Amino acid sequence: MFLDCVLLKLESKCLKGCDIALASYYVMPAFKFQTITGFMQSKIVTNNSSDILNRYNKILVTNHGNIFSFFRINIPFPCECIEGEFLGHVFEYTAKEGDTYDLIASTYYASLTSVEVLKKFNSYDLNHIPGKAKVNVTVNCSCGNNQISKDYGLFITYPLRASDTLENIASDSKLDEGLIQSFNYGVNFSKGSEIVFIPGRGMYVLVLNFIHHPFIFND
């Protein structure tokens, strides 16, 4: 159902993708930056891609390269036309003993995908994935809609959380509420369980020089 909803919000067919989309990754405690880039590896991101913090994020914490837990960071990834049907990218995750679809979707991939999507593109048992198995993790993306606006080149795949509203997303991204809604027709931003697409002209850096914080983790 998740994937079908996303396809309806974008387009039923695609001809080509775009070079880069962004994934809004909500950082949980104990997840090092290198761990996240490991999950989100692509031809754009490798384990050594520390420069993505200052290239694609408006918040950068510069205390020896540390970043905060419970913050979102933008991770770039290729936005491809998959089988001529939808825009997305398939990440390859190597499973560990005890992994489940729910753990992979909600924790490792920060709700950028869902259990339903993992089931659609994999054939493992719902609650038992063999260790070292290769799991296809499909994340949807958007290249925008030039009928609405040609001003926005990068789009963020943004999983809504319970605390999100259209108002606070617009305020944080410095965008008009109507513009965001126009790219996400019919979406209830207060539902807290859908994925939306946030347009952006470009990312900028706000340097935060905190010395101590209980939720900082090391790169």
N, C-alpha and C. Protein backbone atom coordinates (compact mmCIF):
# COMPACT_ATOMS: atom_id res chain seq x y z
N MET A 1 0.83 -1.20 0.00
CA MET A 1 0.00 0.00 0.00
C MET A 1 0.86 1.25 0.00
N PHE A 2 1.95 1.21 0.79
CA PHE A 2 2.86 2.37 0.87
C PHE A 2 3.36 2.75 -0.51
N LEU A 3 3.87 1.74 -1.25
CA LEU A 3 4.45 2.02 -2.56
C LEU A 3 3.38 2.51 -3.52
N ASP A 4 2.19 1.89 -3.49
CA ASP A 4 1.12 2.32 -4.37
C ASP A 4 0.76 3.77 -4.12
N CYS A 5 0.72 4.18 -2.84
CA CYS A 5 0.39 5.57 -2.50
C CYS A 5 1.42 6.52 -3.06
N VAL A 6 2.70 6.16 -2.94
CA VAL A 6 3.76 7.02 -3.45
C VAL A 6 3.66 7.16 -4.95
N LEU A 7 3.37 6.05 -5.64
CA LEU A 7 3.26 6.10 -7.08
C LEU A 7 2.11 7.00 -7.52
N LEU A 8 1.01 6.96 -6.79
CA LEU A 8 -0.11 7.81 -7.14
C LEU A 8 0.23 9.28 -6.95
N LYS A 9 1.05 9.58 -5.91
CA LYS A 9 1.40 10.98 -5.65
C LYS A 9 2.38 11.51 -6.68
N LEU A 10 3.17 10.63 -7.29
CA LEU A 10 4.13 11.09 -8.28
C LEU A 10 3.55 10.85 -9.68
N GLU A 11 3.97 9.78 -10.32
CA GLU A 11 3.41 9.45 -11.61
C GLU A 11 3.43 7.94 -11.75
N SER A 12 2.52 7.40 -12.55
CA SER A 12 2.40 5.95 -12.65
C SER A 12 3.54 5.34 -13.47
N LYS A 13 4.12 6.12 -14.38
CA LYS A 13 5.22 5.64 -15.20
C LYS A 13 6.32 6.69 -15.19
N CYS A 14 7.55 6.27 -15.51
CA CYS A 14 8.65 7.23 -15.62
C CYS A 14 9.51 6.85 -16.80
N LEU A 15 10.20 7.83 -17.33
CA LEU A 15 11.12 7.60 -18.44
C LEU A 15 12.57 7.71 -18.00
N LYS A 16 12.84 8.63 -17.07
CA LYS A 16 14.19 8.79 -16.57
C LYS A 16 14.14 9.39 -15.18
N GLY A 17 15.24 9.29 -14.48
CA GLY A 17 15.33 9.86 -13.14
C GLY A 17 16.11 11.16 -13.16
N CYS A 18 16.81 11.42 -12.07
CA CYS A 18 17.68 12.60 -11.99
C CYS A 18 18.93 12.21 -11.21
N ASP A 19 19.96 13.01 -11.34
CA ASP A 19 21.26 12.63 -10.80
C ASP A 19 21.23 12.45 -9.28
N ILE A 20 20.55 13.36 -8.58
CA ILE A 20 20.60 13.34 -7.12
C ILE A 20 19.24 13.68 -6.53
N ALA A 21 18.84 12.88 -5.54
CA ALA A 21 17.76 13.24 -4.63
C ALA A 21 18.35 13.19 -3.23
N LEU A 22 17.60 13.64 -2.25
CA LEU A 22 18.07 13.63 -0.88
C LEU A 22 17.12 12.82 -0.01
N ALA A 23 17.68 12.11 0.94
CA ALA A 23 16.89 11.35 1.90
C ALA A 23 17.06 12.01 3.27
N SER A 24 15.94 12.33 3.92
CA SER A 24 15.98 12.91 5.26
C SER A 24 16.09 11.77 6.26
N TYR A 25 17.27 11.62 6.85
CA TYR A 25 17.57 10.50 7.74
C TYR A 25 17.54 10.98 9.18
N TYR A 26 16.63 10.43 9.98
CA TYR A 26 16.49 10.80 11.38
C TYR A 26 17.48 9.97 12.21
N VAL A 27 18.44 10.65 12.83
CA VAL A 27 19.56 9.98 13.48
C VAL A 27 19.18 9.53 14.89
N MET A 28 19.31 8.24 15.13
CA MET A 28 19.04 7.67 16.45
C MET A 28 20.33 7.55 17.24
N PRO A 29 20.24 7.46 18.58
CA PRO A 29 21.45 7.32 19.41
C PRO A 29 22.25 6.09 19.03
N ALA A 30 23.55 6.22 19.17
CA ALA A 30 24.52 5.13 18.94
C ALA A 30 24.74 4.83 17.46
N PHE A 31 24.11 5.59 16.56
CA PHE A 31 24.37 5.42 15.15
C PHE A 31 25.46 6.39 14.73
N LYS A 32 26.63 5.86 14.44
CA LYS A 32 27.72 6.70 13.97
C LYS A 32 27.47 7.11 12.52
N PHE A 33 28.07 8.22 12.15
CA PHE A 33 27.89 8.71 10.78
C PHE A 33 28.34 7.66 9.77
N GLN A 34 29.42 6.96 10.07
CA GLN A 34 29.90 5.94 9.15
C GLN A 34 28.91 4.79 9.04
N THR A 35 28.20 4.50 10.13
CA THR A 35 27.16 3.46 10.08
C THR A 35 26.06 3.87 9.12
N ILE A 36 25.63 5.13 9.20
CA ILE A 36 24.56 5.63 8.34
C ILE A 36 24.98 5.60 6.88
N THR A 37 26.19 6.07 6.57
CA THR A 37 26.65 6.04 5.18
C THR A 37 26.81 4.60 4.69
N GLY A 38 27.06 3.68 5.62
CA GLY A 38 27.11 2.27 5.25
C GLY A 38 25.75 1.77 4.79
N PHE A 39 24.70 2.15 5.51
CA PHE A 39 23.34 1.78 5.10
C PHE A 39 22.98 2.43 3.76
N MET A 40 23.43 3.68 3.57
CA MET A 40 22.99 4.49 2.43
C MET A 40 24.02 4.54 1.31
N GLN A 41 24.85 3.53 1.21
CA GLN A 41 25.89 3.52 0.17
C GLN A 41 25.27 3.47 -1.23
N SER A 42 25.89 4.23 -2.12
CA SER A 42 25.50 4.25 -3.53
C SER A 42 26.71 4.73 -4.31
N LYS A 43 26.51 5.02 -5.59
CA LYS A 43 27.63 5.58 -6.36
C LYS A 43 27.95 6.99 -5.90
N ILE A 44 27.04 7.62 -5.15
CA ILE A 44 27.28 8.97 -4.64
C ILE A 44 27.90 8.94 -3.26
N VAL A 45 27.45 8.01 -2.41
CA VAL A 45 27.87 7.97 -1.01
C VAL A 45 28.68 6.71 -0.75
N THR A 46 29.84 6.90 -0.12
CA THR A 46 30.66 5.79 0.36
C THR A 46 30.90 5.99 1.84
N ASN A 47 31.59 5.06 2.46
CA ASN A 47 31.90 5.19 3.89
C ASN A 47 32.79 6.38 4.18
N ASN A 48 33.43 6.93 3.15
CA ASN A 48 34.34 8.06 3.35
C ASN A 48 33.72 9.39 2.91
N SER A 49 32.40 9.42 2.76
CA SER A 49 31.74 10.62 2.24
C SER A 49 31.39 11.62 3.33
N SER A 50 32.35 12.00 4.13
CA SER A 50 32.07 12.93 5.22
C SER A 50 31.70 14.32 4.72
N ASP A 51 32.04 14.63 3.45
CA ASP A 51 31.75 15.96 2.92
C ASP A 51 30.26 16.19 2.71
N ILE A 52 29.44 15.13 2.74
CA ILE A 52 28.01 15.34 2.51
C ILE A 52 27.37 16.13 3.65
N LEU A 53 28.00 16.15 4.82
CA LEU A 53 27.44 16.93 5.92
C LEU A 53 27.41 18.41 5.58
N ASN A 54 28.47 18.91 4.98
CA ASN A 54 28.47 20.35 4.69
C ASN A 54 28.04 20.69 3.26
N ARG A 55 27.85 19.69 2.42
CA ARG A 55 27.37 19.97 1.06
C ARG A 55 25.85 19.96 0.98
N TYR A 56 25.20 19.14 1.78
CA TYR A 56 23.76 18.94 1.61
C TYR A 56 22.94 19.19 2.87
N ASN A 57 23.54 19.77 3.89
CA ASN A 57 22.81 19.96 5.14
C ASN A 57 22.89 21.40 5.60
N LYS A 58 21.79 21.86 6.20
CA LYS A 58 21.76 23.22 6.73
C LYS A 58 22.26 23.27 8.16
N ILE A 59 22.45 22.10 8.79
CA ILE A 59 22.98 22.04 10.15
C ILE A 59 24.21 21.16 10.14
N LEU A 60 25.29 21.71 10.59
CA LEU A 60 26.54 20.97 10.68
C LEU A 60 27.15 21.22 12.04
N VAL A 61 27.44 20.18 12.77
CA VAL A 61 28.08 20.30 14.07
C VAL A 61 29.55 20.01 13.89
N THR A 62 30.38 20.96 14.27
CA THR A 62 31.80 20.87 13.93
C THR A 62 32.68 20.57 15.14
N ASN A 63 32.16 19.95 16.14
CA ASN A 63 32.97 19.55 17.28
C ASN A 63 33.66 18.23 16.97
N HIS A 64 34.82 18.32 16.30
CA HIS A 64 35.58 17.15 15.88
C HIS A 64 34.79 16.21 14.97
N GLY A 65 33.93 16.80 14.14
CA GLY A 65 33.18 15.99 13.18
C GLY A 65 31.97 15.28 13.76
N ASN A 66 31.59 15.58 14.99
CA ASN A 66 30.44 14.92 15.59
C ASN A 66 29.13 15.48 15.05
N ILE A 67 28.08 14.66 15.09
CA ILE A 67 26.75 15.14 14.77
C ILE A 67 25.80 14.69 15.86
N PHE A 68 24.63 15.33 15.91
CA PHE A 68 23.68 15.06 16.98
C PHE A 68 22.75 13.90 16.64
N SER A 69 22.39 13.15 17.69
CA SER A 69 21.25 12.25 17.59
C SER A 69 19.97 13.07 17.66
N PHE A 70 18.86 12.48 17.20
CA PHE A 70 17.54 13.10 17.19
C PHE A 70 17.50 14.36 16.30
N PHE A 71 18.41 14.43 15.34
CA PHE A 71 18.39 15.44 14.29
C PHE A 71 18.23 14.71 12.95
N ARG A 72 17.75 15.43 11.96
CA ARG A 72 17.71 14.89 10.61
C ARG A 72 18.94 15.36 9.83
N ILE A 73 19.50 14.46 9.05
CA ILE A 73 20.55 14.84 8.12
C ILE A 73 20.13 14.40 6.72
N ASN A 74 20.52 15.16 5.72
CA ASN A 74 20.19 14.83 4.34
C ASN A 74 21.31 14.01 3.71
N ILE A 75 20.92 12.86 3.16
CA ILE A 75 21.87 11.97 2.50
C ILE A 75 21.55 11.94 1.02
N PRO A 76 22.49 12.28 0.13
CA PRO A 76 22.21 12.24 -1.31
C PRO A 76 22.19 10.80 -1.83
N PHE A 77 21.35 10.55 -2.82
CA PHE A 77 21.34 9.24 -3.47
C PHE A 77 20.81 9.39 -4.89
N PRO A 78 21.13 8.44 -5.78
CA PRO A 78 20.65 8.54 -7.16
C PRO A 78 19.14 8.31 -7.21
N CYS A 79 18.46 9.08 -8.03
CA CYS A 79 17.01 8.92 -8.22
C CYS A 79 16.79 8.35 -9.61
N GLU A 80 16.47 7.09 -9.67
CA GLU A 80 16.43 6.36 -10.95
C GLU A 80 15.00 5.94 -11.30
N CYS A 81 14.78 5.74 -12.57
CA CYS A 81 13.51 5.18 -13.03
C CYS A 81 13.65 3.66 -12.97
N ILE A 82 12.94 3.04 -12.05
CA ILE A 82 13.07 1.61 -11.82
C ILE A 82 12.04 0.84 -12.63
N GLU A 83 12.53 0.04 -13.56
CA GLU A 83 11.70 -0.81 -14.42
C GLU A 83 10.62 -0.01 -15.16
N GLY A 84 10.90 1.28 -15.40
CA GLY A 84 9.96 2.12 -16.10
C GLY A 84 8.69 2.41 -15.34
N GLU A 85 8.67 2.12 -14.03
CA GLU A 85 7.43 2.19 -13.27
C GLU A 85 7.41 3.32 -12.24
N PHE A 86 8.52 3.56 -11.54
CA PHE A 86 8.52 4.57 -10.48
C PHE A 86 9.93 5.07 -10.23
N LEU A 87 10.02 6.22 -9.58
CA LEU A 87 11.31 6.81 -9.24
C LEU A 87 11.76 6.32 -7.88
N GLY A 88 13.00 5.86 -7.82
CA GLY A 88 13.52 5.37 -6.56
C GLY A 88 14.95 4.91 -6.70
N HIS A 89 15.44 4.32 -5.63
CA HIS A 89 16.78 3.71 -5.65
C HIS A 89 16.73 2.49 -4.76
N VAL A 90 17.43 1.44 -5.17
CA VAL A 90 17.49 0.21 -4.40
C VAL A 90 18.85 0.10 -3.72
N PHE A 91 18.86 0.26 -2.41
CA PHE A 91 20.06 0.06 -1.62
C PHE A 91 20.20 -1.42 -1.29
N GLU A 92 21.43 -1.87 -1.13
CA GLU A 92 21.67 -3.27 -0.76
C GLU A 92 22.15 -3.33 0.69
N TYR A 93 21.37 -3.98 1.53
CA TYR A 93 21.70 -4.12 2.95
C TYR A 93 22.09 -5.58 3.22
N THR A 94 23.19 -5.78 3.93
CA THR A 94 23.63 -7.11 4.32
C THR A 94 23.09 -7.42 5.71
N ALA A 95 22.22 -8.40 5.80
CA ALA A 95 21.52 -8.69 7.06
C ALA A 95 22.43 -9.31 8.10
N LYS A 96 22.06 -9.09 9.35
CA LYS A 96 22.71 -9.72 10.49
C LYS A 96 21.70 -10.66 11.15
N GLU A 97 22.17 -11.61 11.94
CA GLU A 97 21.27 -12.50 12.66
C GLU A 97 20.34 -11.68 13.55
N GLY A 98 19.07 -12.00 13.50
CA GLY A 98 18.09 -11.27 14.31
C GLY A 98 17.41 -10.13 13.60
N ASP A 99 17.85 -9.80 12.39
CA ASP A 99 17.21 -8.73 11.64
C ASP A 99 15.82 -9.14 11.19
N THR A 100 14.92 -8.17 11.17
CA THR A 100 13.58 -8.35 10.62
C THR A 100 13.31 -7.21 9.64
N TYR A 101 12.27 -7.35 8.84
CA TYR A 101 11.90 -6.27 7.93
C TYR A 101 11.58 -4.99 8.70
N ASP A 102 10.90 -5.14 9.83
CA ASP A 102 10.52 -3.95 10.61
C ASP A 102 11.76 -3.24 11.15
N LEU A 103 12.73 -4.00 11.64
CA LEU A 103 13.96 -3.40 12.16
C LEU A 103 14.72 -2.68 11.06
N ILE A 104 14.80 -3.30 9.90
CA ILE A 104 15.51 -2.68 8.78
C ILE A 104 14.81 -1.40 8.34
N ALA A 105 13.49 -1.47 8.18
CA ALA A 105 12.74 -0.32 7.66
C ALA A 105 12.70 0.83 8.64
N SER A 106 12.30 0.56 9.89
CA SER A 106 12.04 1.65 10.84
C SER A 106 13.29 2.15 11.54
N THR A 107 14.28 1.29 11.73
CA THR A 107 15.47 1.69 12.49
C THR A 107 16.66 1.96 11.57
N TYR A 108 17.11 0.96 10.84
CA TYR A 108 18.31 1.14 10.03
C TYR A 108 18.09 2.16 8.90
N TYR A 109 16.89 2.15 8.33
CA TYR A 109 16.61 3.07 7.22
C TYR A 109 15.64 4.18 7.61
N ALA A 110 15.47 4.40 8.92
CA ALA A 110 14.79 5.58 9.46
C ALA A 110 13.44 5.86 8.80
N SER A 111 12.68 4.79 8.51
CA SER A 111 11.35 4.88 7.90
C SER A 111 11.36 5.47 6.49
N LEU A 112 12.50 5.45 5.83
CA LEU A 112 12.58 5.85 4.43
C LEU A 112 11.94 4.80 3.51
N THR A 113 11.76 3.59 4.04
CA THR A 113 11.04 2.54 3.35
C THR A 113 10.07 1.93 4.35
N SER A 114 9.41 0.84 4.00
CA SER A 114 8.43 0.23 4.90
C SER A 114 8.51 -1.28 4.80
N VAL A 115 7.88 -1.95 5.76
CA VAL A 115 7.83 -3.41 5.74
C VAL A 115 7.17 -3.90 4.45
N GLU A 116 6.10 -3.23 4.03
CA GLU A 116 5.38 -3.64 2.82
C GLU A 116 6.27 -3.57 1.59
N VAL A 117 7.09 -2.52 1.50
CA VAL A 117 7.99 -2.38 0.35
C VAL A 117 9.08 -3.44 0.40
N LEU A 118 9.63 -3.70 1.57
CA LEU A 118 10.66 -4.74 1.69
C LEU A 118 10.10 -6.10 1.29
N LYS A 119 8.89 -6.40 1.70
CA LYS A 119 8.25 -7.67 1.32
C LYS A 119 8.06 -7.75 -0.18
N LYS A 120 7.73 -6.64 -0.80
CA LYS A 120 7.47 -6.61 -2.24
C LYS A 120 8.71 -6.94 -3.05
N PHE A 121 9.89 -6.49 -2.57
CA PHE A 121 11.12 -6.64 -3.35
C PHE A 121 12.09 -7.67 -2.78
N ASN A 122 11.64 -8.45 -1.80
CA ASN A 122 12.44 -9.52 -1.23
C ASN A 122 11.55 -10.73 -0.96
N SER A 123 12.17 -11.89 -0.73
CA SER A 123 11.38 -13.11 -0.52
C SER A 123 11.70 -13.80 0.79
N TYR A 124 12.34 -13.10 1.72
CA TYR A 124 12.68 -13.71 3.00
C TYR A 124 11.47 -13.79 3.92
N ASP A 125 11.57 -14.65 4.92
CA ASP A 125 10.54 -14.74 5.94
C ASP A 125 10.41 -13.41 6.66
N LEU A 126 9.19 -13.02 6.99
CA LEU A 126 8.92 -11.71 7.57
C LEU A 126 9.76 -11.43 8.80
N ASN A 127 9.90 -12.42 9.68
CA ASN A 127 10.58 -12.20 10.96
C ASN A 127 11.89 -12.96 11.09
N HIS A 128 12.35 -13.55 10.00
CA HIS A 128 13.64 -14.23 10.06
C HIS A 128 14.36 -14.07 8.73
N ILE A 129 15.37 -13.23 8.74
CA ILE A 129 16.19 -13.02 7.55
C ILE A 129 17.54 -13.66 7.82
N PRO A 130 18.00 -14.55 6.97
CA PRO A 130 19.29 -15.22 7.22
C PRO A 130 20.44 -14.22 7.36
N GLY A 131 21.37 -14.53 8.24
CA GLY A 131 22.57 -13.70 8.37
C GLY A 131 23.32 -13.64 7.06
N LYS A 132 23.82 -12.46 6.73
CA LYS A 132 24.57 -12.18 5.51
C LYS A 132 23.71 -12.19 4.24
N ALA A 133 22.40 -12.30 4.41
CA ALA A 133 21.53 -12.22 3.24
C ALA A 133 21.53 -10.81 2.67
N LYS A 134 21.40 -10.68 1.38
CA LYS A 134 21.34 -9.37 0.72
C LYS A 134 19.87 -8.95 0.61
N VAL A 135 19.57 -7.82 1.24
CA VAL A 135 18.20 -7.32 1.26
C VAL A 135 18.10 -6.09 0.37
N ASN A 136 17.15 -6.10 -0.56
CA ASN A 136 16.89 -4.95 -1.41
C ASN A 136 16.04 -3.94 -0.64
N VAL A 137 16.60 -2.75 -0.43
CA VAL A 137 15.90 -1.70 0.31
C VAL A 137 15.54 -0.59 -0.68
N THR A 138 14.28 -0.51 -1.04
CA THR A 138 13.83 0.43 -2.06
C THR A 138 13.32 1.70 -1.40
N VAL A 139 13.91 2.83 -1.79
CA VAL A 139 13.52 4.14 -1.28
C VAL A 139 13.03 4.99 -2.45
N ASN A 140 11.82 5.52 -2.33
CA ASN A 140 11.28 6.38 -3.37
C ASN A 140 11.92 7.76 -3.37
N CYS A 141 11.85 8.43 -4.49
CA CYS A 141 12.41 9.77 -4.61
C CYS A 141 11.56 10.58 -5.57
N SER A 142 11.89 11.85 -5.70
CA SER A 142 11.18 12.74 -6.62
C SER A 142 12.19 13.63 -7.33
N CYS A 143 11.94 13.86 -8.61
CA CYS A 143 12.73 14.83 -9.37
C CYS A 143 11.96 16.12 -9.55
N GLY A 144 10.82 16.23 -8.86
CA GLY A 144 10.04 17.46 -8.93
C GLY A 144 9.00 17.43 -10.02
N ASN A 145 8.33 18.53 -10.15
CA ASN A 145 7.28 18.68 -11.14
C ASN A 145 7.39 20.08 -11.73
N ASN A 146 7.93 20.17 -12.94
CA ASN A 146 8.19 21.49 -13.51
C ASN A 146 6.91 22.22 -13.91
N GLN A 147 5.76 21.52 -13.87
CA GLN A 147 4.49 22.20 -14.10
C GLN A 147 4.11 23.07 -12.90
N ILE A 148 4.67 22.71 -11.73
CA ILE A 148 4.42 23.50 -10.52
C ILE A 148 5.49 24.58 -10.38
N SER A 149 6.75 24.19 -10.48
CA SER A 149 7.85 25.15 -10.36
C SER A 149 9.12 24.56 -10.93
N LYS A 150 9.89 25.39 -11.65
CA LYS A 150 11.18 24.99 -12.18
C LYS A 150 12.33 25.49 -11.30
N ASP A 151 11.98 26.07 -10.15
CA ASP A 151 12.99 26.70 -9.31
C ASP A 151 13.72 25.72 -8.39
N TYR A 152 13.18 24.50 -8.27
CA TYR A 152 13.72 23.60 -7.26
C TYR A 152 14.37 22.40 -7.93
N GLY A 153 15.66 22.24 -7.65
CA GLY A 153 16.43 21.20 -8.30
C GLY A 153 16.62 19.95 -7.47
N LEU A 154 16.57 20.07 -6.15
CA LEU A 154 16.77 18.92 -5.28
C LEU A 154 15.50 18.68 -4.47
N PHE A 155 15.11 17.41 -4.37
CA PHE A 155 13.93 17.07 -3.58
C PHE A 155 14.31 16.06 -2.50
N ILE A 156 13.73 16.27 -1.33
CA ILE A 156 14.05 15.47 -0.15
C ILE A 156 12.94 14.46 0.09
N THR A 157 13.30 13.18 0.16
CA THR A 157 12.37 12.14 0.60
C THR A 157 12.30 12.22 2.12
N TYR A 158 11.14 12.60 2.63
CA TYR A 158 11.01 13.04 4.02
C TYR A 158 9.96 12.19 4.75
N PRO A 159 10.36 11.20 5.55
CA PRO A 159 9.39 10.43 6.32
C PRO A 159 8.81 11.28 7.45
N LEU A 160 7.50 11.40 7.48
CA LEU A 160 6.86 12.18 8.53
C LEU A 160 6.94 11.45 9.87
N ARG A 161 7.13 12.24 10.93
CA ARG A 161 7.11 11.73 12.30
C ARG A 161 5.89 12.32 13.01
N ALA A 162 5.55 11.76 14.16
CA ALA A 162 4.33 12.17 14.88
C ALA A 162 4.33 13.66 15.21
N SER A 163 5.51 14.24 15.42
CA SER A 163 5.60 15.65 15.82
C SER A 163 5.53 16.61 14.63
N ASP A 164 5.54 16.08 13.41
CA ASP A 164 5.58 16.94 12.22
C ASP A 164 4.21 17.51 11.88
N THR A 165 4.23 18.74 11.39
CA THR A 165 3.05 19.36 10.79
C THR A 165 3.51 20.09 9.54
N LEU A 166 2.57 20.41 8.66
CA LEU A 166 2.91 21.18 7.47
C LEU A 166 3.50 22.53 7.88
N GLU A 167 2.95 23.12 8.93
CA GLU A 167 3.42 24.43 9.37
C GLU A 167 4.87 24.39 9.82
N ASN A 168 5.23 23.40 10.66
CA ASN A 168 6.62 23.41 11.15
C ASN A 168 7.61 22.96 10.08
N ILE A 169 7.19 22.10 9.17
CA ILE A 169 8.08 21.73 8.06
C ILE A 169 8.34 22.93 7.17
N ALA A 170 7.29 23.70 6.88
CA ALA A 170 7.45 24.90 6.06
C ALA A 170 8.35 25.91 6.74
N SER A 171 8.17 26.07 8.05
CA SER A 171 8.99 27.01 8.80
C SER A 171 10.45 26.59 8.80
N ASP A 172 10.71 25.31 9.05
CA ASP A 172 12.09 24.81 9.10
C ASP A 172 12.78 24.91 7.74
N SER A 173 12.03 24.65 6.68
CA SER A 173 12.62 24.66 5.35
C SER A 173 12.54 26.02 4.66
N LYS A 174 11.88 26.99 5.35
CA LYS A 174 11.72 28.34 4.81
C LYS A 174 11.02 28.32 3.45
N LEU A 175 9.96 27.53 3.38
CA LEU A 175 9.17 27.42 2.17
C LEU A 175 7.70 27.73 2.48
N ASP A 176 6.96 28.09 1.46
CA ASP A 176 5.54 28.35 1.61
C ASP A 176 4.78 27.04 1.79
N GLU A 177 3.81 27.04 2.72
CA GLU A 177 3.03 25.83 2.97
C GLU A 177 2.32 25.35 1.71
N GLY A 178 1.77 26.29 0.96
CA GLY A 178 1.05 25.93 -0.26
C GLY A 178 1.95 25.27 -1.29
N LEU A 179 3.20 25.74 -1.38
CA LEU A 179 4.14 25.14 -2.32
C LEU A 179 4.42 23.69 -1.93
N ILE A 180 4.70 23.44 -0.65
CA ILE A 180 4.97 22.07 -0.20
C ILE A 180 3.76 21.18 -0.45
N GLN A 181 2.58 21.69 -0.13
CA GLN A 181 1.37 20.89 -0.32
C GLN A 181 1.15 20.58 -1.80
N SER A 182 1.52 21.51 -2.69
CA SER A 182 1.32 21.29 -4.12
C SER A 182 2.16 20.14 -4.64
N PHE A 183 3.30 19.86 -4.03
CA PHE A 183 4.12 18.72 -4.42
C PHE A 183 3.68 17.43 -3.73
N ASN A 184 2.72 17.53 -2.81
CA ASN A 184 2.26 16.37 -2.05
C ASN A 184 0.74 16.40 -1.97
N TYR A 185 0.11 16.33 -3.12
CA TYR A 185 -1.33 16.52 -3.22
C TYR A 185 -2.09 15.49 -2.37
N GLY A 186 -2.98 16.00 -1.53
CA GLY A 186 -3.84 15.13 -0.74
C GLY A 186 -3.22 14.54 0.51
N VAL A 187 -1.97 14.87 0.81
CA VAL A 187 -1.29 14.30 1.98
C VAL A 187 -1.71 15.03 3.24
N ASN A 188 -2.00 14.27 4.29
CA ASN A 188 -2.25 14.83 5.61
C ASN A 188 -0.92 14.85 6.37
N PHE A 189 -0.32 16.02 6.50
CA PHE A 189 1.01 16.13 7.10
C PHE A 189 1.00 15.83 8.59
N SER A 190 -0.14 15.82 9.21
CA SER A 190 -0.21 15.55 10.65
C SER A 190 -0.41 14.08 10.95
N LYS A 191 -0.50 13.26 9.92
CA LYS A 191 -0.74 11.83 10.13
C LYS A 191 0.47 11.15 10.74
N GLY A 192 1.67 11.63 10.38
CA GLY A 192 2.89 11.13 11.02
C GLY A 192 3.38 9.79 10.53
N SER A 193 2.86 9.28 9.41
CA SER A 193 3.30 7.96 8.97
C SER A 193 3.50 7.86 7.46
N GLU A 194 3.43 8.96 6.76
CA GLU A 194 3.63 8.94 5.32
C GLU A 194 5.00 9.50 4.96
N ILE A 195 5.36 9.33 3.69
CA ILE A 195 6.55 9.97 3.15
C ILE A 195 6.11 11.10 2.25
N VAL A 196 6.72 12.27 2.43
CA VAL A 196 6.44 13.41 1.57
C VAL A 196 7.73 13.85 0.89
N PHE A 197 7.58 14.77 -0.05
CA PHE A 197 8.74 15.24 -0.81
C PHE A 197 8.85 16.75 -0.66
N ILE A 198 9.98 17.20 -0.13
CA ILE A 198 10.19 18.60 0.19
C ILE A 198 11.14 19.21 -0.84
N PRO A 199 10.72 20.27 -1.54
CA PRO A 199 11.61 20.90 -2.52
C PRO A 199 12.66 21.77 -1.85
N GLY A 200 13.79 21.93 -2.53
CA GLY A 200 14.83 22.81 -2.01
C GLY A 200 15.63 23.43 -3.13
N ARG A 201 15.91 24.70 -3.03
CA ARG A 201 16.74 25.37 -4.04
C ARG A 201 18.20 24.98 -3.91
N GLY A 202 18.63 24.75 -2.70
CA GLY A 202 20.02 24.43 -2.43
C GLY A 202 20.21 24.36 -0.94
N MET A 203 21.23 23.67 -0.52
CA MET A 203 21.45 23.49 0.89
C MET A 203 22.51 24.47 1.36
N TYR A 204 22.41 24.86 2.59
CA TYR A 204 23.39 25.78 3.15
C TYR A 204 23.81 25.28 4.53
N VAL A 205 24.86 25.84 5.07
CA VAL A 205 25.44 25.34 6.30
C VAL A 205 25.24 26.32 7.44
N LEU A 206 24.75 25.84 8.53
CA LEU A 206 24.69 26.61 9.77
C LEU A 206 25.60 25.91 10.76
N VAL A 207 26.70 26.54 11.13
CA VAL A 207 27.68 25.90 11.99
C VAL A 207 27.28 26.08 13.45
N LEU A 208 27.20 24.97 14.17
CA LEU A 208 26.86 24.99 15.59
C LEU A 208 28.09 24.55 16.37
N ASN A 209 28.57 25.40 17.24
CA ASN A 209 29.79 25.08 17.98
C ASN A 209 29.47 24.71 19.43
N PHE A 210 28.78 23.58 19.61
CA PHE A 210 28.51 23.07 20.93
C PHE A 210 29.71 22.26 21.40
N ILE A 211 30.06 22.42 22.66
CA ILE A 211 31.18 21.67 23.22
C ILE A 211 30.70 20.38 23.86
N HIS A 212 29.60 20.44 24.59
CA HIS A 212 29.08 19.26 25.24
C HIS A 212 27.61 19.09 24.87
N HIS A 213 27.21 17.86 24.64
CA HIS A 213 25.81 17.55 24.38
C HIS A 213 25.62 16.06 24.68
N PRO A 214 24.58 15.71 25.43
CA PRO A 214 24.44 14.30 25.82
C PRO A 214 24.18 13.36 24.66
N PHE A 215 23.77 13.89 23.49
CA PHE A 215 23.40 13.00 22.40
C PHE A 215 24.38 13.06 21.24
N ILE A 216 25.56 13.63 21.46
CA ILE A 216 26.56 13.65 20.38
C ILE A 216 27.21 12.28 20.27
N PHE A 217 27.43 11.84 19.03
CA PHE A 217 28.21 10.64 18.86
C PHE A 217 29.36 10.94 17.92
N ASN A 218 30.39 10.10 17.98
CA ASN A 218 31.61 10.36 17.23
C ASN A 218 31.54 9.76 15.85
N ASP A 219 32.16 10.45 14.92
CA ASP A 219 32.32 9.92 13.57
C ASP A 219 33.33 8.78 13.60
